[in-house]
Amino acid sequence: MRLSVLTLVLTVAAFANTAGIAQQTTTDVAPYPVAVDLPAGTYRLDPRHASVLFRIRHEGLSWFTARFDGKDATLTLDPADPTRSQLSASVVTDSVNTGVLNAQGERAFDRSIARALGAEATPSITFTSTAIERTGAATARITGDLTMNGQTHPATLDATFLGDTNDLLRGNARVLGFSAQGAIDRSQWGVNDWRAFTGSQVQIVIEAELVRT
């Protein structure tokens, strides 16, 4: 009788262990195909259908929001394994646009922000991907080098693929749509103006359409 009980216990333990290994193996496999059904090649940002916004907390109250009017990006897509793709993007530093005018109708505030962002040292703020990690069937985490104010540090964007189409109005070219968000600590790049009444965290919000060239 004692032998039968021991046998039963060992059998149950072995089954549980096998089930655990099977479950671990199942969870280690991505629930979506690695490859994506898109043409390989180079895709260039369509600036007419894109926006690059940044937001910063004002006096611990609202999020002050502005945009960059000058922007560009290039995606080299590897559809067999999107993690091997490459992304480079840039904004013209002095193209910042807050929509705020002074009493003379001038964009003096925009120029002040551009100086604070280091427009003289870095006329273009650039981002170059160093790693792309799939986080879902249509999402990815993009890590790269962000250069601003004469300094380069790592930054991360969480991107979502929104869809694709062949657009007759753009020469029947394949067009990809993406959204991306991220956040940086501006002080890491030495951007410290107005610290008395604005936060250090800067949120980045991007909407983009890229056209296959």
Foldseek 3Di string as FASTA:
>chain_A
DVVVVVVVVVVVVVVVVVVVVVVVVVVVDAPAAQADPDDFAKWKWDLVFKWKKKWWDFQVDDTQMKTASAKIKMKGADRNGRFPIKIKMKGQLLRIGRVDADPVRHVVVSNVNSVLFQCVLPRMWMWIFDTWADPHNFKIKTWTWTDINNDIDIWIKIKGWDDWAQDVVVVRFIKTKMKIKTKDQQVVSVRCPPVVTIHRIMIIIMITMITGD
